[in-house]
Amino acid sequence: MPLKRRLTDAFCSLSLIDAVDELKRGSFSLQAKVLEYRTVSAGVEVDLTLTASRDQQTIWSSTLTLLSPKNTYRPDAQPDLEITHGNGLHSY
């Protein structure tokens, strides 16, 4: 049964489809996807889903909410970054 709580209250959901040790047996893929951005009184909440798969079978997935707190300090050396999202598949 997934555990669910908000990060402002601490949110996390976790699903284990197979033993996590299954990932040790060879190469696997990890997908990270942004589900939603929300402005809240404390800052900005971002819902993320992480999924680990092997042979196109999901082994593990987790959804979590991160909070970027409001901050009035803005360093001059770092320009504003435009946030874009598409299909959720990104390489870094």
Protein backbone atom coordinates (compact mmCIF):
# COMPACT_ATOMS: atom_id res chain seq x y z
CA MET A 1 0.00 0.00 0.00
CA PRO A 2 1.56 3.36 -1.02
CA LEU A 3 2.43 5.88 1.67
CA LYS A 4 1.06 9.33 0.87
CA ARG A 5 1.73 12.63 2.64
CA ARG A 6 2.37 16.15 1.37
CA LEU A 7 5.89 17.54 1.69
CA THR A 8 4.61 20.69 3.28
CA ASP A 9 3.39 17.86 5.50
CA ALA A 10 5.96 15.51 3.75
CA PHE A 11 4.50 13.72 0.70
CA CYS A 12 5.81 10.49 -0.73
CA SER A 13 4.28 7.51 -2.53
CA LEU A 14 6.24 4.32 -3.17
CA SER A 15 5.36 1.20 -5.15
CA LEU A 16 7.50 -1.94 -5.26
CA ILE A 17 6.44 -4.18 -8.10
CA ASP A 18 9.38 -6.57 -7.67
CA ALA A 19 12.28 -6.88 -5.25
CA VAL A 20 14.63 -3.90 -5.57
CA ASP A 21 17.50 -6.45 -5.68
CA GLU A 22 16.21 -7.21 -9.19
CA LEU A 23 17.92 -3.96 -10.29
CA LYS A 24 21.34 -5.37 -9.29
CA ARG A 25 21.10 -8.12 -11.91
CA GLY A 26 21.91 -5.91 -14.88
CA SER A 27 21.34 -2.59 -16.55
CA PHE A 28 18.11 -0.72 -15.87
CA SER A 29 16.54 2.58 -16.83
CA LEU A 30 15.44 5.33 -14.48
CA GLN A 31 12.83 7.80 -15.67
CA ALA A 32 12.09 11.08 -13.87
CA LYS A 33 8.97 13.00 -14.79
CA VAL A 34 7.57 16.29 -13.48
CA LEU A 35 3.85 15.86 -12.87
CA GLU A 36 2.89 19.31 -11.63
CA TYR A 37 4.15 22.67 -10.35
CA ARG A 38 2.11 24.52 -7.71
CA THR A 39 2.63 27.89 -6.12
CA VAL A 40 1.84 27.68 -2.41
CA SER A 41 2.27 30.19 0.41
CA ALA A 42 5.60 28.59 1.40
CA GLY A 43 7.06 28.66 -2.15
CA VAL A 44 6.69 26.28 -5.11
CA GLU A 45 5.82 22.59 -4.82
CA VAL A 46 6.94 20.22 -7.58
CA ASP A 47 5.49 16.70 -7.91
CA LEU A 48 8.02 14.21 -9.36
CA THR A 49 7.63 10.58 -10.37
CA LEU A 50 10.66 8.30 -10.53
CA THR A 51 10.38 4.89 -12.20
CA ALA A 52 13.05 2.16 -12.38
CA SER A 53 12.52 -0.45 -15.11
CA ARG A 54 14.31 -3.35 -16.68
CA ASP A 55 13.31 -5.04 -19.92
CA GLN A 56 10.38 -2.60 -20.08
CA GLN A 57 9.02 -3.97 -16.78
CA THR A 58 8.59 -1.53 -13.89
CA ILE A 59 10.47 -2.72 -10.80
CA TRP A 60 10.10 0.35 -8.59
CA SER A 61 8.30 3.67 -8.75
CA SER A 62 7.96 6.59 -6.40
CA THR A 63 6.09 9.89 -6.47
CA LEU A 64 7.28 12.70 -4.26
CA THR A 65 6.62 16.36 -3.75
CA LEU A 66 9.55 18.74 -3.30
CA LEU A 67 9.22 22.24 -1.90
CA SER A 68 11.31 25.12 -3.19
CA PRO A 69 10.81 27.62 -0.36
CA LYS A 70 10.19 31.30 -0.92
CA ASN A 71 13.48 33.12 -0.79
CA THR A 72 13.99 36.83 -1.24
CA TYR A 73 17.76 36.41 -1.77
CA ARG A 74 18.60 36.26 -5.49
CA PRO A 75 22.32 36.12 -6.30
CA ASP A 76 23.33 38.42 -9.15
CA ALA A 77 25.63 35.77 -10.62
CA GLN A 78 22.76 33.37 -11.33
CA PRO A 79 20.25 34.46 -13.99
CA ASP A 80 16.62 33.38 -13.88
CA LEU A 81 16.13 30.04 -15.58
CA GLU A 82 13.10 29.30 -17.70
CA ILE A 83 11.45 26.05 -16.66
CA THR A 84 10.14 23.96 -19.52
CA HIS A 85 8.81 20.46 -19.55
CA GLY A 86 7.73 18.15 -22.31
CA ASN A 87 7.36 14.41 -22.42
CA GLY A 88 9.19 13.83 -19.13
CA LEU A 89 12.11 12.01 -20.77
CA HIS A 90 15.35 13.85 -20.11
CA SER A 91 19.04 12.95 -20.27
CA TYR A 92 21.59 14.64 -18.06
